[in-house]
Amino acid sequence: MEYHRDGYFFVVVNVDIHYKRPARLGEIIEVTTEMIEITHATITLKHQIFRDDALLVEAYVKIACIDKDGRPGRIPDSLRIHLNV
């Protein structure tokens, strides 16, 4: 799916991040991503980083769909279908 070619662009409009514990070089971590909300023009994602069962970082990232001129646009139906929403 070539959204850029079709005039759809996605930009980060907000990040809310909470650092709970440090990770150190060489440690194995797990990163999870969950879609929290989707509107006509935005998607909010929840990211979590774990070491074993310990939550290290939790972040909420909102991305918006814009057109080539930077104006808000609707998220394409083909992406909604791909995301099963």
C-alpha atoms as a PDB file:
ATOM      1  CA  MET A   1       0.000   0.000   0.000  1.00  0.00           C
ATOM      2  CA  GLU A   2       1.599   3.214  -1.126  1.00  0.00           C
ATOM      3  CA  TYR A   3      -0.248   5.869   0.799  1.00  0.00           C
ATOM      4  CA  HIS A   4       2.302   8.593   0.059  1.00  0.00           C
ATOM      5  CA  ARG A   5       1.905   8.042  -3.641  1.00  0.00           C
ATOM      6  CA  ASP A   6      -1.848   8.437  -3.202  1.00  0.00           C
ATOM      7  CA  GLY A   7      -1.440  11.702  -1.252  1.00  0.00           C
ATOM      8  CA  TYR A   8      -1.833  10.423   2.322  1.00  0.00           C
ATOM      9  CA  PHE A   9       0.785  11.290   4.929  1.00  0.00           C
ATOM     10  CA  PHE A  10       0.921  10.457   8.637  1.00  0.00           C
ATOM     11  CA  VAL A  11       2.468  12.775  11.214  1.00  0.00           C
ATOM     12  CA  VAL A  12       2.918  12.580  14.973  1.00  0.00           C
ATOM     13  CA  VAL A  13       0.779  15.227  16.667  1.00  0.00           C
ATOM     14  CA  ASN A  14       1.165  14.238  20.318  1.00  0.00           C
ATOM     15  CA  VAL A  15       3.363  12.022  22.494  1.00  0.00           C
ATOM     16  CA  ASP A  16       2.737  11.323  26.176  1.00  0.00           C
ATOM     17  CA  ILE A  17       5.551   9.210  27.604  1.00  0.00           C
ATOM     18  CA  HIS A  18       6.190   7.916  31.098  1.00  0.00           C
ATOM     19  CA  TYR A  19       9.613   6.528  32.015  1.00  0.00           C
ATOM     20  CA  LYS A  20       9.192   4.148  34.945  1.00  0.00           C
ATOM     21  CA  ARG A  21      12.461   2.193  35.112  1.00  0.00           C
ATOM     22  CA  PRO A  22      15.733   2.293  33.176  1.00  0.00           C
ATOM     23  CA  ALA A  23      16.941  -0.225  30.636  1.00  0.00           C
ATOM     24  CA  ARG A  24      20.616  -0.886  30.202  1.00  0.00           C
ATOM     25  CA  LEU A  25      22.736  -1.719  27.182  1.00  0.00           C
ATOM     26  CA  GLY A  26      22.664  -5.432  26.450  1.00  0.00           C
ATOM     27  CA  GLU A  27      19.357  -6.161  28.193  1.00  0.00           C
ATOM     28  CA  ILE A  28      16.640  -7.910  26.240  1.00  0.00           C
ATOM     29  CA  ILE A  29      13.440  -5.873  26.123  1.00  0.00           C
ATOM     30  CA  GLU A  30      10.009  -6.445  24.652  1.00  0.00           C
ATOM     31  CA  VAL A  31       8.065  -3.669  22.904  1.00  0.00           C
ATOM     32  CA  THR A  32       4.302  -3.939  22.472  1.00  0.00           C
ATOM     33  CA  THR A  33       1.989  -1.699  20.468  1.00  0.00           C
ATOM     34  CA  GLU A  34      -1.781  -1.534  20.777  1.00  0.00           C
ATOM     35  CA  MET A  35      -4.219   0.610  18.830  1.00  0.00           C
ATOM     36  CA  ILE A  36      -6.281   2.500  21.408  1.00  0.00           C
ATOM     37  CA  GLU A  37      -8.488   4.714  19.247  1.00  0.00           C
ATOM     38  CA  ILE A  38      -9.095   5.488  15.611  1.00  0.00           C
ATOM     39  CA  THR A  39     -11.137   8.460  14.419  1.00  0.00           C
ATOM     40  CA  HIS A  40     -11.740   9.765  10.916  1.00  0.00           C
ATOM     41  CA  ALA A  41      -8.337  11.491  10.874  1.00  0.00           C
ATOM     42  CA  THR A  42      -6.246  10.192  13.825  1.00  0.00           C
ATOM     43  CA  ILE A  43      -4.914   6.976  15.323  1.00  0.00           C
ATOM     44  CA  THR A  44      -3.801   6.708  18.955  1.00  0.00           C
ATOM     45  CA  LEU A  45      -1.304   3.985  19.813  1.00  0.00           C
ATOM     46  CA  LYS A  46      -0.163   2.702  23.204  1.00  0.00           C
ATOM     47  CA  HIS A  47       3.439   1.492  23.330  1.00  0.00           C
ATOM     48  CA  GLN A  48       4.893  -0.385  26.285  1.00  0.00           C
ATOM     49  CA  ILE A  49       8.453  -1.537  26.882  1.00  0.00           C
ATOM     50  CA  PHE A  50       9.104  -4.425  29.255  1.00  0.00           C
ATOM     51  CA  ARG A  51      12.135  -6.186  30.674  1.00  0.00           C
ATOM     52  CA  ASP A  52      10.910  -9.592  31.835  1.00  0.00           C
ATOM     53  CA  ASP A  53       7.582  -8.626  33.481  1.00  0.00           C
ATOM     54  CA  ALA A  54       8.697  -5.157  34.608  1.00  0.00           C
ATOM     55  CA  LEU A  55       7.138  -2.200  32.788  1.00  0.00           C
ATOM     56  CA  LEU A  56       9.914   0.242  31.864  1.00  0.00           C
ATOM     57  CA  VAL A  57       8.176   2.750  29.589  1.00  0.00           C
ATOM     58  CA  GLU A  58       4.605   3.512  28.587  1.00  0.00           C
ATOM     59  CA  ALA A  59       3.844   5.938  25.770  1.00  0.00           C
ATOM     60  CA  TYR A  60       0.731   7.132  23.978  1.00  0.00           C
ATOM     61  CA  VAL A  61       1.315   8.427  20.460  1.00  0.00           C
ATOM     62  CA  LYS A  62      -1.332  10.154  18.347  1.00  0.00           C
ATOM     63  CA  ILE A  63      -0.765  10.303  14.608  1.00  0.00           C
ATOM     64  CA  ALA A  64      -2.863  12.256  12.138  1.00  0.00           C
ATOM     65  CA  CYS A  65      -3.562  11.780   8.465  1.00  0.00           C
ATOM     66  CA  ILE A  66      -2.805  14.837   6.333  1.00  0.00           C
ATOM     67  CA  ASP A  67      -2.774  15.579   2.626  1.00  0.00           C
ATOM     68  CA  LYS A  68       0.214  16.774   0.597  1.00  0.00           C
ATOM     69  CA  ASP A  69      -0.569  20.385   1.540  1.00  0.00           C
ATOM     70  CA  GLY A  70      -0.539  19.609   5.273  1.00  0.00           C
ATOM     71  CA  ARG A  71      -4.302  19.806   5.742  1.00  0.00           C
ATOM     72  CA  PRO A  72      -6.098  17.181   7.867  1.00  0.00           C
ATOM     73  CA  GLY A  73      -7.504  14.329   5.844  1.00  0.00           C
ATOM     74  CA  ARG A  74      -9.532  11.169   6.359  1.00  0.00           C
ATOM     75  CA  ILE A  75      -7.717   7.926   7.037  1.00  0.00           C
ATOM     76  CA  PRO A  76      -8.077   5.849   3.854  1.00  0.00           C
ATOM     77  CA  ASP A  77     -10.640   3.038   3.925  1.00  0.00           C
ATOM     78  CA  SER A  78      -7.980   0.639   2.665  1.00  0.00           C
ATOM     79  CA  LEU A  79      -5.926   1.288   5.823  1.00  0.00           C
ATOM     80  CA  ARG A  80      -8.981   0.830   8.034  1.00  0.00           C
ATOM     81  CA  ILE A  81      -9.620  -2.523   6.354  1.00  0.00           C
ATOM     82  CA  HIS A  82      -5.970  -3.493   6.816  1.00  0.00           C
ATOM     83  CA  LEU A  83      -6.221  -2.584  10.540  1.00  0.00           C
ATOM     84  CA  ASN A  84      -9.528  -4.489  10.847  1.00  0.00           C
ATOM     85  CA  VAL A  85     -11.487  -1.457  12.097  1.00  0.00           C
END
